[in-house]
Amino acid sequence: MGRDGGAARWSPYVGVQPIVATLALLVGVRGLANVLVPQLVEFRNPDLIALGSSSLSGVPVIVVIAAVLTLLMAFLVRRTTFGRQVVAIGGNRAASELSGLPVRRVLLLVYVISGVLAALAGVLATARLQASDPTSLGLFIELSAITAVVVGGTPLSGGRIRVLSTVMGALLMQLLSATLIKHNLPQSWTQIVQAVIILAAVYATRERGTR
C-alpha cells in the first residue's frame, strides 16, 4: 500500500506483509472451519431467518443494511479526520509517518473495521441461505472483492478510496456473473472473466496515473 517502496507493504506491528498474513489466515481459518463444521449445517433460529428473509417497505433488510454501511463508510472516508489519514497513509506511508500521523493506530483500526465488516457479511450470507457450509460459502469471494474495488476505480497502489464506485463495481460483477449463469456457462468462466477484468482495470488505472 503506497508509493514509498517496501515500508508501506508491511503490517504495522509484526512485520509481515499484509497480503501474506491475509492469505495465511484465509487458508488456515477456512481449514479450521472445515474441521469444526465438516458439512452443511442448517440454522433454524427465527431471528437469523428473519434477518435474511424480511424486508422494509418491500426492500430486503440485507439491502438496507448494506446501503447504510456504504453511506457510513463513505462518510467516514470523506468527512472525518480518520478517513483522510487512511487516504494519506495509503498514498505514502513514509511521508505520513514523517508528518506525525498515527500510522500504526490508523492501520490497526483499518484491519479491525475490515474484520468486523467481513464477519457481518458472513452472518448476513448465513441468514440469507439459512445454512452454513465452509466448503463453499464465501469461496473465492476475495477475488470478487478485489475486482469490485479495482473496477470501482480505487488503485491498488493506494492514495484514493472510492466507496460508492466500489459498490457499483460489485453490482457490475454480480450482473456479469448472473448473466453467465443464465447462459449456462460454468462458474470457472466467471472466474476467468473476473481475472481479465482485474488486469484490464489495473492497467487502465496505471495508464491514468502516468498521465
N, C-alpha and C. Protein backbone atom coordinates (compact mmCIF):
# COMPACT_ATOMS: atom_id res chain seq x y z
N MET A 1 0.83 -1.18 0.00
CA MET A 1 0.00 0.00 0.00
C MET A 1 0.88 1.24 0.00
N GLY A 2 0.80 2.01 -1.06
CA GLY A 2 1.56 3.25 -1.06
C GLY A 2 2.66 3.25 -2.09
N ARG A 3 3.30 4.41 -2.27
CA ARG A 3 4.33 4.57 -3.29
C ARG A 3 5.71 4.78 -2.69
N ASP A 4 5.91 4.47 -1.44
CA ASP A 4 7.16 4.77 -0.77
C ASP A 4 8.04 3.56 -0.61
N GLY A 5 7.98 2.63 -1.58
CA GLY A 5 8.86 1.47 -1.50
C GLY A 5 8.29 0.38 -0.65
N GLY A 6 9.19 -0.39 0.01
CA GLY A 6 8.76 -1.57 0.72
C GLY A 6 8.12 -1.30 2.06
N ALA A 7 8.40 -0.16 2.70
CA ALA A 7 7.92 0.07 4.06
C ALA A 7 6.42 -0.01 4.17
N ALA A 8 5.71 0.55 3.17
CA ALA A 8 4.25 0.61 3.26
C ALA A 8 3.60 -0.74 3.04
N ARG A 9 4.36 -1.72 2.62
CA ARG A 9 3.77 -3.01 2.34
C ARG A 9 3.84 -3.95 3.54
N TRP A 10 4.34 -3.47 4.66
CA TRP A 10 4.48 -4.32 5.83
C TRP A 10 3.44 -3.93 6.87
N SER A 11 2.95 -4.93 7.60
CA SER A 11 1.95 -4.67 8.62
C SER A 11 2.55 -3.85 9.75
N PRO A 12 1.70 -3.12 10.51
CA PRO A 12 2.22 -2.12 11.44
C PRO A 12 2.90 -2.66 12.68
N TYR A 13 2.67 -3.92 13.07
CA TYR A 13 3.21 -4.39 14.35
C TYR A 13 4.12 -5.60 14.24
N VAL A 14 3.74 -6.61 13.45
CA VAL A 14 4.50 -7.86 13.47
C VAL A 14 5.48 -7.98 12.32
N GLY A 15 5.50 -7.02 11.40
CA GLY A 15 6.48 -7.02 10.33
C GLY A 15 6.25 -8.05 9.25
N VAL A 16 5.00 -8.45 9.03
CA VAL A 16 4.65 -9.39 7.98
C VAL A 16 3.86 -8.65 6.92
N GLN A 17 4.14 -8.96 5.65
CA GLN A 17 3.39 -8.33 4.59
C GLN A 17 1.90 -8.61 4.75
N PRO A 18 1.05 -7.59 4.65
CA PRO A 18 -0.40 -7.79 4.85
C PRO A 18 -1.00 -8.84 3.93
N ILE A 19 -0.57 -8.89 2.68
CA ILE A 19 -1.13 -9.87 1.75
C ILE A 19 -0.76 -11.28 2.17
N VAL A 20 0.47 -11.45 2.72
CA VAL A 20 0.90 -12.78 3.19
C VAL A 20 0.08 -13.19 4.41
N ALA A 21 -0.08 -12.26 5.35
CA ALA A 21 -0.88 -12.56 6.54
C ALA A 21 -2.33 -12.86 6.18
N THR A 22 -2.86 -12.11 5.22
CA THR A 22 -4.24 -12.31 4.80
C THR A 22 -4.44 -13.69 4.19
N LEU A 23 -3.56 -14.06 3.28
CA LEU A 23 -3.68 -15.36 2.62
C LEU A 23 -3.47 -16.51 3.61
N ALA A 24 -2.51 -16.34 4.52
CA ALA A 24 -2.25 -17.39 5.51
C ALA A 24 -3.47 -17.61 6.41
N LEU A 25 -4.04 -16.50 6.88
CA LEU A 25 -5.23 -16.63 7.74
C LEU A 25 -6.43 -17.14 6.94
N LEU A 26 -6.54 -16.72 5.69
CA LEU A 26 -7.64 -17.19 4.85
C LEU A 26 -7.62 -18.71 4.73
N VAL A 27 -6.45 -19.25 4.40
CA VAL A 27 -6.33 -20.70 4.25
C VAL A 27 -6.47 -21.40 5.59
N GLY A 28 -5.81 -20.87 6.61
CA GLY A 28 -5.84 -21.51 7.92
C GLY A 28 -7.21 -21.52 8.56
N VAL A 29 -7.90 -20.39 8.54
CA VAL A 29 -9.22 -20.31 9.18
C VAL A 29 -10.25 -21.11 8.40
N ARG A 30 -10.14 -21.11 7.06
CA ARG A 30 -11.07 -21.94 6.29
C ARG A 30 -10.84 -23.43 6.60
N GLY A 31 -9.58 -23.81 6.74
CA GLY A 31 -9.30 -25.19 7.12
C GLY A 31 -9.84 -25.52 8.49
N LEU A 32 -9.70 -24.58 9.44
CA LEU A 32 -10.24 -24.79 10.79
C LEU A 32 -11.76 -24.91 10.75
N ALA A 33 -12.40 -24.07 9.93
CA ALA A 33 -13.86 -24.15 9.80
C ALA A 33 -14.29 -25.50 9.25
N ASN A 34 -13.53 -26.04 8.30
CA ASN A 34 -13.86 -27.35 7.76
C ASN A 34 -13.68 -28.46 8.78
N VAL A 35 -12.71 -28.28 9.67
CA VAL A 35 -12.51 -29.27 10.73
C VAL A 35 -13.65 -29.21 11.75
N LEU A 36 -14.04 -27.99 12.13
CA LEU A 36 -15.09 -27.84 13.14
C LEU A 36 -16.47 -28.16 12.58
N VAL A 37 -16.71 -27.76 11.33
CA VAL A 37 -18.01 -27.99 10.69
C VAL A 37 -17.76 -28.64 9.33
N PRO A 38 -17.57 -29.95 9.27
CA PRO A 38 -17.17 -30.61 8.02
C PRO A 38 -18.28 -30.73 6.98
N GLN A 39 -19.48 -30.31 7.31
CA GLN A 39 -20.59 -30.45 6.36
C GLN A 39 -21.56 -29.30 6.54
N LEU A 40 -22.52 -29.24 5.64
CA LEU A 40 -23.51 -28.16 5.68
C LEU A 40 -24.34 -28.25 6.96
N VAL A 41 -24.56 -27.09 7.58
CA VAL A 41 -25.35 -27.02 8.80
C VAL A 41 -26.50 -26.05 8.58
N GLU A 42 -27.73 -26.51 8.83
CA GLU A 42 -28.89 -25.65 8.67
C GLU A 42 -29.17 -24.92 9.98
N PHE A 43 -29.66 -23.68 9.85
CA PHE A 43 -29.98 -22.87 11.02
C PHE A 43 -31.49 -22.67 11.09
N ARG A 44 -32.03 -22.87 12.27
CA ARG A 44 -33.46 -22.70 12.48
C ARG A 44 -33.78 -21.53 13.40
N ASN A 45 -32.78 -20.72 13.71
CA ASN A 45 -33.01 -19.57 14.59
C ASN A 45 -33.95 -18.59 13.91
N PRO A 46 -35.10 -18.29 14.52
CA PRO A 46 -36.08 -17.41 13.86
C PRO A 46 -35.56 -16.00 13.62
N ASP A 47 -34.73 -15.49 14.54
CA ASP A 47 -34.18 -14.15 14.36
C ASP A 47 -33.23 -14.11 13.17
N LEU A 48 -32.42 -15.15 13.03
CA LEU A 48 -31.49 -15.21 11.91
C LEU A 48 -32.25 -15.37 10.59
N ILE A 49 -33.28 -16.20 10.59
CA ILE A 49 -34.08 -16.39 9.39
C ILE A 49 -34.77 -15.09 8.99
N ALA A 50 -35.29 -14.37 10.00
CA ALA A 50 -35.96 -13.09 9.73
C ALA A 50 -34.99 -12.08 9.14
N LEU A 51 -33.75 -12.08 9.61
CA LEU A 51 -32.75 -11.16 9.10
C LEU A 51 -32.49 -11.40 7.62
N GLY A 52 -32.53 -12.65 7.21
CA GLY A 52 -32.23 -12.97 5.82
C GLY A 52 -33.43 -12.92 4.89
N SER A 53 -34.64 -12.94 5.44
CA SER A 53 -35.83 -13.02 4.58
C SER A 53 -36.79 -11.84 4.71
N SER A 54 -36.69 -11.06 5.77
CA SER A 54 -37.64 -9.96 5.98
C SER A 54 -37.28 -8.75 5.13
N SER A 55 -38.21 -7.80 5.05
CA SER A 55 -38.00 -6.60 4.24
C SER A 55 -38.64 -5.40 4.92
N LEU A 56 -38.19 -4.22 4.50
CA LEU A 56 -38.76 -2.96 4.98
C LEU A 56 -39.31 -2.21 3.78
N SER A 57 -40.64 -2.04 3.77
CA SER A 57 -41.31 -1.36 2.65
C SER A 57 -40.94 -2.00 1.31
N GLY A 58 -40.83 -3.31 1.31
CA GLY A 58 -40.53 -4.02 0.07
C GLY A 58 -39.05 -4.15 -0.23
N VAL A 59 -38.20 -3.54 0.58
CA VAL A 59 -36.75 -3.62 0.36
C VAL A 59 -36.16 -4.62 1.35
N PRO A 60 -35.43 -5.63 0.89
CA PRO A 60 -34.85 -6.62 1.80
C PRO A 60 -33.98 -5.96 2.88
N VAL A 61 -34.08 -6.50 4.09
CA VAL A 61 -33.32 -5.93 5.21
C VAL A 61 -31.82 -5.97 4.92
N ILE A 62 -31.36 -7.02 4.26
CA ILE A 62 -29.94 -7.13 3.94
C ILE A 62 -29.50 -5.98 3.05
N VAL A 63 -30.34 -5.60 2.09
CA VAL A 63 -30.02 -4.47 1.20
C VAL A 63 -29.98 -3.17 2.00
N VAL A 64 -30.91 -3.01 2.92
CA VAL A 64 -30.94 -1.80 3.77
C VAL A 64 -29.67 -1.70 4.60
N ILE A 65 -29.26 -2.84 5.19
CA ILE A 65 -28.04 -2.85 5.99
C ILE A 65 -26.83 -2.49 5.14
N ALA A 66 -26.76 -3.08 3.93
CA ALA A 66 -25.64 -2.79 3.03
C ALA A 66 -25.61 -1.32 2.64
N ALA A 67 -26.79 -0.73 2.36
CA ALA A 67 -26.86 0.68 1.97
C ALA A 67 -26.42 1.58 3.12
N VAL A 68 -26.86 1.27 4.33
CA VAL A 68 -26.48 2.08 5.49
C VAL A 68 -24.98 2.01 5.73
N LEU A 69 -24.41 0.81 5.65
CA LEU A 69 -22.97 0.65 5.86
C LEU A 69 -22.16 1.35 4.76
N THR A 70 -22.68 1.32 3.54
CA THR A 70 -22.00 2.00 2.43
C THR A 70 -21.94 3.50 2.68
N LEU A 71 -23.08 4.08 3.05
CA LEU A 71 -23.11 5.52 3.32
C LEU A 71 -22.24 5.88 4.53
N LEU A 72 -22.26 5.01 5.53
CA LEU A 72 -21.43 5.25 6.71
C LEU A 72 -19.95 5.23 6.37
N MET A 73 -19.52 4.26 5.56
CA MET A 73 -18.11 4.18 5.18
C MET A 73 -17.73 5.33 4.27
N ALA A 74 -18.64 5.75 3.38
CA ALA A 74 -18.36 6.89 2.51
C ALA A 74 -18.18 8.16 3.34
N PHE A 75 -19.03 8.33 4.34
CA PHE A 75 -18.89 9.48 5.23
C PHE A 75 -17.59 9.41 6.01
N LEU A 76 -17.26 8.21 6.49
CA LEU A 76 -16.04 8.04 7.28
C LEU A 76 -14.80 8.40 6.47
N VAL A 77 -14.79 7.99 5.20
CA VAL A 77 -13.63 8.25 4.35
C VAL A 77 -13.53 9.71 3.94
N ARG A 78 -14.67 10.31 3.60
CA ARG A 78 -14.66 11.64 3.01
C ARG A 78 -14.73 12.78 4.02
N ARG A 79 -15.37 12.54 5.16
CA ARG A 79 -15.70 13.65 6.05
C ARG A 79 -15.03 13.61 7.42
N THR A 80 -14.22 12.62 7.68
CA THR A 80 -13.61 12.52 9.00
C THR A 80 -12.09 12.58 8.90
N THR A 81 -11.49 12.96 10.00
CA THR A 81 -10.03 13.00 10.05
C THR A 81 -9.43 11.61 9.84
N PHE A 82 -10.08 10.61 10.42
CA PHE A 82 -9.60 9.24 10.26
C PHE A 82 -9.57 8.85 8.79
N GLY A 83 -10.63 9.17 8.05
CA GLY A 83 -10.68 8.83 6.64
C GLY A 83 -9.58 9.51 5.85
N ARG A 84 -9.32 10.78 6.14
CA ARG A 84 -8.25 11.49 5.44
C ARG A 84 -6.89 10.90 5.79
N GLN A 85 -6.74 10.43 7.02
CA GLN A 85 -5.49 9.80 7.42
C GLN A 85 -5.29 8.48 6.68
N VAL A 86 -6.37 7.72 6.51
CA VAL A 86 -6.27 6.46 5.78
C VAL A 86 -5.83 6.70 4.35
N VAL A 87 -6.41 7.70 3.70
CA VAL A 87 -6.05 8.02 2.32
C VAL A 87 -4.59 8.46 2.24
N ALA A 88 -4.17 9.31 3.18
CA ALA A 88 -2.79 9.80 3.18
C ALA A 88 -1.79 8.67 3.39
N ILE A 89 -2.08 7.79 4.34
CA ILE A 89 -1.18 6.68 4.62
C ILE A 89 -1.14 5.71 3.44
N GLY A 90 -2.29 5.50 2.81
CA GLY A 90 -2.33 4.63 1.64
C GLY A 90 -1.52 5.20 0.48
N GLY A 91 -1.48 6.53 0.37
CA GLY A 91 -0.72 7.16 -0.70
C GLY A 91 0.77 7.14 -0.45
N ASN A 92 1.19 7.39 0.79
CA ASN A 92 2.61 7.42 1.10
C ASN A 92 2.79 7.27 2.61
N ARG A 93 3.09 6.06 3.02
CA ARG A 93 3.21 5.80 4.47
C ARG A 93 4.39 6.53 5.08
N ALA A 94 5.52 6.53 4.38
CA ALA A 94 6.72 7.16 4.93
C ALA A 94 6.49 8.66 5.17
N ALA A 95 5.87 9.31 4.20
CA ALA A 95 5.59 10.73 4.36
C ALA A 95 4.60 10.97 5.48
N SER A 96 3.64 10.07 5.64
CA SER A 96 2.66 10.19 6.71
C SER A 96 3.32 10.06 8.07
N GLU A 97 4.27 9.15 8.18
CA GLU A 97 4.99 8.99 9.45
C GLU A 97 5.82 10.23 9.76
N LEU A 98 6.47 10.79 8.73
CA LEU A 98 7.28 11.99 8.94
C LEU A 98 6.42 13.20 9.31
N SER A 99 5.18 13.21 8.84
CA SER A 99 4.30 14.34 9.15
C SER A 99 3.60 14.18 10.49
N GLY A 100 3.85 13.07 11.18
CA GLY A 100 3.33 12.89 12.53
C GLY A 100 2.00 12.17 12.62
N LEU A 101 1.54 11.59 11.55
CA LEU A 101 0.27 10.85 11.61
C LEU A 101 0.44 9.55 12.39
N PRO A 102 -0.59 9.14 13.16
CA PRO A 102 -0.52 7.88 13.92
C PRO A 102 -0.70 6.68 13.01
N VAL A 103 0.32 6.35 12.24
CA VAL A 103 0.20 5.35 11.19
C VAL A 103 -0.20 3.99 11.74
N ARG A 104 0.48 3.52 12.78
CA ARG A 104 0.19 2.19 13.30
C ARG A 104 -1.24 2.09 13.83
N ARG A 105 -1.67 3.10 14.55
CA ARG A 105 -3.03 3.08 15.11
C ARG A 105 -4.08 3.10 14.01
N VAL A 106 -3.85 3.92 13.00
CA VAL A 106 -4.81 4.00 11.89
C VAL A 106 -4.89 2.68 11.14
N LEU A 107 -3.74 2.07 10.84
CA LEU A 107 -3.74 0.80 10.13
C LEU A 107 -4.41 -0.30 10.96
N LEU A 108 -4.16 -0.29 12.26
CA LEU A 108 -4.80 -1.29 13.12
C LEU A 108 -6.32 -1.13 13.08
N LEU A 109 -6.80 0.11 13.13
CA LEU A 109 -8.24 0.35 13.06
C LEU A 109 -8.81 -0.08 11.71
N VAL A 110 -8.04 0.12 10.65
CA VAL A 110 -8.49 -0.31 9.33
C VAL A 110 -8.66 -1.83 9.30
N TYR A 111 -7.70 -2.55 9.86
CA TYR A 111 -7.80 -4.01 9.90
C TYR A 111 -8.98 -4.46 10.76
N VAL A 112 -9.20 -3.78 11.87
CA VAL A 112 -10.31 -4.14 12.76
C VAL A 112 -11.64 -3.92 12.05
N ILE A 113 -11.79 -2.75 11.42
CA ILE A 113 -13.03 -2.45 10.69
C ILE A 113 -13.26 -3.45 9.58
N SER A 114 -12.20 -3.79 8.86
CA SER A 114 -12.31 -4.77 7.78
C SER A 114 -12.76 -6.12 8.32
N GLY A 115 -12.18 -6.55 9.44
CA GLY A 115 -12.56 -7.82 10.03
C GLY A 115 -13.99 -7.85 10.51
N VAL A 116 -14.44 -6.75 11.13
CA VAL A 116 -15.82 -6.68 11.62
C VAL A 116 -16.81 -6.73 10.46
N LEU A 117 -16.52 -5.99 9.39
CA LEU A 117 -17.41 -5.99 8.23
C LEU A 117 -17.43 -7.36 7.55
N ALA A 118 -16.28 -8.03 7.50
CA ALA A 118 -16.23 -9.37 6.92
C ALA A 118 -17.07 -10.34 7.75
N ALA A 119 -16.97 -10.23 9.08
CA ALA A 119 -17.76 -11.09 9.95
C ALA A 119 -19.26 -10.83 9.77
N LEU A 120 -19.62 -9.55 9.66
CA LEU A 120 -21.02 -9.21 9.44
C LEU A 120 -21.52 -9.75 8.10
N ALA A 121 -20.66 -9.68 7.07
CA ALA A 121 -21.03 -10.23 5.77
C ALA A 121 -21.27 -11.73 5.87
N GLY A 122 -20.47 -12.42 6.66
CA GLY A 122 -20.67 -13.85 6.86
C GLY A 122 -21.99 -14.16 7.54
N VAL A 123 -22.35 -13.35 8.53
CA VAL A 123 -23.62 -13.54 9.23
C VAL A 123 -24.79 -13.31 8.27
N LEU A 124 -24.70 -12.25 7.46
CA LEU A 124 -25.78 -11.94 6.52
C LEU A 124 -25.91 -13.03 5.46
N ALA A 125 -24.78 -13.54 4.98
CA ALA A 125 -24.83 -14.62 4.00
C ALA A 125 -25.45 -15.88 4.59
N THR A 126 -25.10 -16.17 5.83
CA THR A 126 -25.68 -17.33 6.51
C THR A 126 -27.17 -17.14 6.72
N ALA A 127 -27.58 -15.91 7.09
CA ALA A 127 -29.00 -15.63 7.30
C ALA A 127 -29.78 -15.75 6.00
N ARG A 128 -29.18 -15.33 4.90
CA ARG A 128 -29.87 -15.40 3.60
C ARG A 128 -30.04 -16.84 3.14
N LEU A 129 -29.00 -17.66 3.35
CA LEU A 129 -29.05 -19.06 2.92
C LEU A 129 -29.68 -19.97 3.96
N GLN A 130 -29.79 -19.47 5.21
CA GLN A 130 -30.30 -20.25 6.34
C GLN A 130 -29.48 -21.51 6.56
N ALA A 131 -28.22 -21.43 6.18
CA ALA A 131 -27.32 -22.57 6.35
C ALA A 131 -25.89 -22.08 6.26
N SER A 132 -24.98 -22.90 6.73
CA SER A 132 -23.57 -22.57 6.66
C SER A 132 -22.80 -23.78 6.15
N ASP A 133 -21.95 -23.52 5.14
CA ASP A 133 -21.14 -24.59 4.57
C ASP A 133 -19.76 -24.03 4.26
N PRO A 134 -18.76 -24.29 5.12
CA PRO A 134 -17.43 -23.72 4.92
C PRO A 134 -16.73 -24.22 3.67
N THR A 135 -17.22 -25.30 3.07
CA THR A 135 -16.58 -25.80 1.86
C THR A 135 -16.97 -25.00 0.62
N SER A 136 -18.04 -24.22 0.70
CA SER A 136 -18.48 -23.47 -0.48
C SER A 136 -18.85 -22.03 -0.19
N LEU A 137 -19.39 -21.74 0.98
CA LEU A 137 -19.84 -20.39 1.30
C LEU A 137 -18.64 -19.43 1.39
N GLY A 138 -18.65 -18.41 0.57
CA GLY A 138 -17.57 -17.43 0.58
C GLY A 138 -16.34 -17.85 -0.20
N LEU A 139 -16.42 -18.98 -0.90
CA LEU A 139 -15.26 -19.46 -1.66
C LEU A 139 -14.97 -18.50 -2.81
N PHE A 140 -13.72 -18.07 -2.90
CA PHE A 140 -13.24 -17.13 -3.92
C PHE A 140 -13.90 -15.75 -3.82
N ILE A 141 -14.53 -15.45 -2.69
CA ILE A 141 -15.17 -14.14 -2.54
C ILE A 141 -14.12 -13.03 -2.50
N GLU A 142 -12.88 -13.39 -2.10
CA GLU A 142 -11.83 -12.38 -2.09
C GLU A 142 -11.51 -11.88 -3.49
N LEU A 143 -11.64 -12.77 -4.49
CA LEU A 143 -11.43 -12.35 -5.88
C LEU A 143 -12.50 -11.36 -6.31
N SER A 144 -13.75 -11.63 -5.91
CA SER A 144 -14.84 -10.71 -6.24
C SER A 144 -14.64 -9.37 -5.56
N ALA A 145 -14.15 -9.38 -4.33
CA ALA A 145 -13.93 -8.13 -3.60
C ALA A 145 -12.85 -7.30 -4.27
N ILE A 146 -11.75 -7.93 -4.64
CA ILE A 146 -10.66 -7.20 -5.32
C ILE A 146 -11.15 -6.65 -6.66
N THR A 147 -11.93 -7.44 -7.38
CA THR A 147 -12.45 -7.00 -8.67
C THR A 147 -13.33 -5.78 -8.50
N ALA A 148 -14.23 -5.81 -7.51
CA ALA A 148 -15.13 -4.68 -7.29
C ALA A 148 -14.36 -3.41 -6.95
N VAL A 149 -13.33 -3.54 -6.13
CA VAL A 149 -12.53 -2.38 -5.74
C VAL A 149 -11.80 -1.79 -6.94
N VAL A 150 -11.17 -2.66 -7.72
CA VAL A 150 -10.39 -2.18 -8.86
C VAL A 150 -11.28 -1.59 -9.93
N VAL A 151 -12.38 -2.30 -10.24
CA VAL A 151 -13.32 -1.79 -11.25
C VAL A 151 -13.92 -0.47 -10.79
N GLY A 152 -14.11 -0.31 -9.48
CA GLY A 152 -14.66 0.93 -8.95
C GLY A 152 -13.71 2.11 -9.00
N GLY A 153 -12.46 1.88 -9.38
CA GLY A 153 -11.53 2.99 -9.55
C GLY A 153 -10.59 3.24 -8.40
N THR A 154 -10.60 2.38 -7.39
CA THR A 154 -9.65 2.53 -6.29
C THR A 154 -8.35 1.83 -6.68
N PRO A 155 -7.24 2.57 -6.82
CA PRO A 155 -5.99 1.95 -7.27
C PRO A 155 -5.39 1.06 -6.18
N LEU A 156 -4.80 -0.05 -6.58
CA LEU A 156 -4.14 -0.94 -5.62
C LEU A 156 -2.90 -0.30 -5.02
N SER A 157 -2.38 0.73 -5.65
CA SER A 157 -1.21 1.43 -5.12
C SER A 157 -1.56 2.38 -4.00
N GLY A 158 -2.85 2.60 -3.74
CA GLY A 158 -3.27 3.46 -2.65
C GLY A 158 -3.41 4.91 -3.07
N GLY A 159 -3.78 5.75 -2.09
CA GLY A 159 -3.88 7.18 -2.33
C GLY A 159 -5.27 7.66 -2.71
N ARG A 160 -6.20 6.76 -2.95
CA ARG A 160 -7.56 7.15 -3.31
C ARG A 160 -8.52 6.04 -2.92
N ILE A 161 -9.67 6.42 -2.36
CA ILE A 161 -10.69 5.45 -1.96
C ILE A 161 -12.02 5.90 -2.53
N ARG A 162 -12.67 5.01 -3.25
CA ARG A 162 -13.97 5.31 -3.84
C ARG A 162 -14.97 4.27 -3.37
N VAL A 163 -15.69 4.60 -2.32
CA VAL A 163 -16.61 3.64 -1.71
C VAL A 163 -17.80 3.37 -2.60
N LEU A 164 -18.49 4.43 -3.03
CA LEU A 164 -19.70 4.26 -3.84
C LEU A 164 -19.37 3.60 -5.18
N SER A 165 -18.24 3.96 -5.77
CA SER A 165 -17.84 3.35 -7.03
C SER A 165 -17.52 1.87 -6.84
N THR A 166 -17.00 1.51 -5.67
CA THR A 166 -16.75 0.11 -5.38
C THR A 166 -18.05 -0.69 -5.33
N VAL A 167 -19.08 -0.09 -4.75
CA VAL A 167 -20.40 -0.75 -4.73
C VAL A 167 -20.91 -0.95 -6.16
N MET A 168 -20.74 0.06 -7.00
CA MET A 168 -21.15 -0.08 -8.39
C MET A 168 -20.35 -1.17 -9.10
N GLY A 169 -19.06 -1.26 -8.77
CA GLY A 169 -18.24 -2.33 -9.32
C GLY A 169 -18.72 -3.70 -8.89
N ALA A 170 -19.12 -3.81 -7.62
CA ALA A 170 -19.64 -5.09 -7.12
C ALA A 170 -20.95 -5.46 -7.82
N LEU A 171 -21.82 -4.47 -8.03
CA LEU A 171 -23.08 -4.73 -8.73
C LEU A 171 -22.83 -5.14 -10.18
N LEU A 172 -21.84 -4.50 -10.79
CA LEU A 172 -21.50 -4.85 -12.17
C LEU A 172 -21.00 -6.28 -12.27
N MET A 173 -20.14 -6.68 -11.34
CA MET A 173 -19.61 -8.04 -11.37
C MET A 173 -20.71 -9.06 -11.07
N GLN A 174 -21.63 -8.70 -10.18
CA GLN A 174 -22.74 -9.60 -9.88
C GLN A 174 -23.65 -9.76 -11.11
N LEU A 175 -23.87 -8.65 -11.82
CA LEU A 175 -24.66 -8.72 -13.05
C LEU A 175 -23.98 -9.59 -14.09
N LEU A 176 -22.67 -9.45 -14.20
CA LEU A 176 -21.91 -10.26 -15.14
C LEU A 176 -22.00 -11.74 -14.78
N SER A 177 -21.84 -12.04 -13.49
CA SER A 177 -21.91 -13.42 -13.03
C SER A 177 -23.29 -14.02 -13.29
N ALA A 178 -24.34 -13.24 -12.99
CA ALA A 178 -25.70 -13.73 -13.21
C ALA A 178 -25.97 -13.96 -14.69
N THR A 179 -25.41 -13.09 -15.54
CA THR A 179 -25.59 -13.25 -16.98
C THR A 179 -24.93 -14.53 -17.49
N LEU A 180 -23.71 -14.80 -17.01
CA LEU A 180 -23.01 -16.02 -17.43
C LEU A 180 -23.75 -17.26 -16.96
N ILE A 181 -24.27 -17.21 -15.73
CA ILE A 181 -25.01 -18.35 -15.19
C ILE A 181 -26.29 -18.58 -15.99
N LYS A 182 -26.95 -17.47 -16.36
CA LYS A 182 -28.20 -17.58 -17.11
C LYS A 182 -27.97 -18.24 -18.47
N HIS A 183 -26.76 -18.04 -19.01
CA HIS A 183 -26.44 -18.66 -20.29
C HIS A 183 -25.78 -20.03 -20.13
N ASN A 184 -25.93 -20.59 -18.89
CA ASN A 184 -25.48 -21.95 -18.62
C ASN A 184 -23.97 -22.14 -18.78
N LEU A 185 -23.22 -21.07 -18.50
CA LEU A 185 -21.77 -21.19 -18.52
C LEU A 185 -21.27 -21.59 -17.14
N PRO A 186 -20.24 -22.40 -17.03
CA PRO A 186 -19.75 -22.86 -15.73
C PRO A 186 -19.14 -21.71 -14.92
N GLN A 187 -19.04 -21.94 -13.60
CA GLN A 187 -18.50 -20.94 -12.69
C GLN A 187 -17.06 -20.60 -13.03
N SER A 188 -16.34 -21.54 -13.60
CA SER A 188 -14.95 -21.30 -13.95
C SER A 188 -14.82 -20.16 -14.96
N TRP A 189 -15.79 -20.02 -15.85
CA TRP A 189 -15.75 -18.92 -16.82
C TRP A 189 -15.90 -17.58 -16.13
N THR A 190 -16.72 -17.53 -15.08
CA THR A 190 -16.88 -16.30 -14.31
C THR A 190 -15.56 -15.88 -13.68
N GLN A 191 -14.82 -16.85 -13.14
CA GLN A 191 -13.53 -16.55 -12.53
C GLN A 191 -12.53 -16.06 -13.57
N ILE A 192 -12.55 -16.65 -14.76
CA ILE A 192 -11.65 -16.22 -15.83
C ILE A 192 -11.97 -14.79 -16.25
N VAL A 193 -13.25 -14.49 -16.39
CA VAL A 193 -13.66 -13.14 -16.78
C VAL A 193 -13.27 -12.13 -15.70
N GLN A 194 -13.44 -12.51 -14.44
CA GLN A 194 -13.05 -11.62 -13.34
C GLN A 194 -11.56 -11.33 -13.39
N ALA A 195 -10.75 -12.34 -13.64
CA ALA A 195 -9.30 -12.14 -13.70
C ALA A 195 -8.94 -11.19 -14.84
N VAL A 196 -9.59 -11.34 -15.99
CA VAL A 196 -9.32 -10.46 -17.13
C VAL A 196 -9.73 -9.03 -16.80
N ILE A 197 -10.87 -8.87 -16.14
CA ILE A 197 -11.34 -7.53 -15.78
C ILE A 197 -10.39 -6.87 -14.80
N ILE A 198 -9.88 -7.65 -13.84
CA ILE A 198 -8.93 -7.09 -12.87
C ILE A 198 -7.69 -6.58 -13.59
N LEU A 199 -7.14 -7.38 -14.48
CA LEU A 199 -5.94 -6.96 -15.22
C LEU A 199 -6.22 -5.71 -16.05
N ALA A 200 -7.37 -5.69 -16.72
CA ALA A 200 -7.71 -4.53 -17.55
C ALA A 200 -7.90 -3.28 -16.70
N ALA A 201 -8.57 -3.43 -15.54
CA ALA A 201 -8.82 -2.27 -14.68
C ALA A 201 -7.52 -1.76 -14.07
N VAL A 202 -6.64 -2.67 -13.66
CA VAL A 202 -5.35 -2.25 -13.10
C VAL A 202 -4.52 -1.52 -14.16
N TYR A 203 -4.55 -2.03 -15.38
CA TYR A 203 -3.81 -1.39 -16.47
C TYR A 203 -4.37 -0.01 -16.77
N ALA A 204 -5.70 0.10 -16.79
CA ALA A 204 -6.33 1.39 -17.05
C ALA A 204 -6.00 2.40 -15.96
N THR A 205 -6.01 1.93 -14.70
CA THR A 205 -5.66 2.81 -13.58
C THR A 205 -4.21 3.26 -13.67
N ARG A 206 -3.35 2.34 -14.05
CA ARG A 206 -1.93 2.68 -14.20
C ARG A 206 -1.72 3.70 -15.30
N GLU A 207 -2.44 3.55 -16.40
CA GLU A 207 -2.30 4.49 -17.50
C GLU A 207 -2.75 5.89 -17.10
N ARG A 208 -3.86 5.96 -16.34
CA ARG A 208 -4.34 7.28 -15.87
C ARG A 208 -3.35 7.91 -14.92
N GLY A 209 -2.69 7.06 -14.09
CA GLY A 209 -1.75 7.59 -13.11
C GLY A 209 -0.47 8.11 -13.72
N THR A 210 -0.11 7.64 -14.92
CA THR A 210 1.14 8.08 -15.54
C THR A 210 0.96 9.32 -16.39
N ARG A 211 -0.29 9.76 -16.56
CA ARG A 211 -0.51 10.94 -17.39
C ARG A 211 -0.32 12.23 -16.58
